[in-house]
């Protein structure tokens, strides 16, 4: 693959920076710049950690993350996770997702009213916005809720496209189906995290 950068793009030396979104493409970038004849920084963005890595794959990815010029993560929680598996803390930079609040009033639909009712009842709301599927591991949140109720009054809200059937079924399996709310794709998904907060509640970064 590094040869493709040479053959198709004229070599890594033509670039000022290589930005990769996973360890394998970052490794390819590093292999390409070894032949560049000049220093070309490689920055890797890491949004999470895969669920099905073998020990060999994990060791490779950790090594690459420690070798790139800088590893970018979107939140402190992401940095803590990677530190726990061996990524050097000083090697990471936290750059929050750049999604600005949308302007104007939002429509009050059935989902928003449902969240409002839950908040009025004193329920905490944990919300997950993103593509729904096994790769995102949303069932982990359902598992967590099943461990803390009824001691903690908490509900899970999921917003995003994808196959929701398995997620809904998992709520029934764990006995918390009444606490799992799957809204599916929403055209203005950015409004939901703000609406999930209880007054005065801290927002995890």
Foldseek 3Di string as FASTA:
>chain_A
DLVCCCVVVVFPLVDQEAEEAFQVVLVSSVVRVVPNPDDHAYEYEYEADWDDDDPVRLVSRLVSLQVGQAYEYAAPVRLVVSVVSPHDSVRYDHDHDPDDDDDDDDDCDPVLVVLVVCLVVVEQEDEDEDADDVRVPPLVVLVVVLVCPPVHRYAYEYEEADDCPVVLVSNVVSVNNVRYHYPYYDPNVVVPVVSNDHVPDDDHD
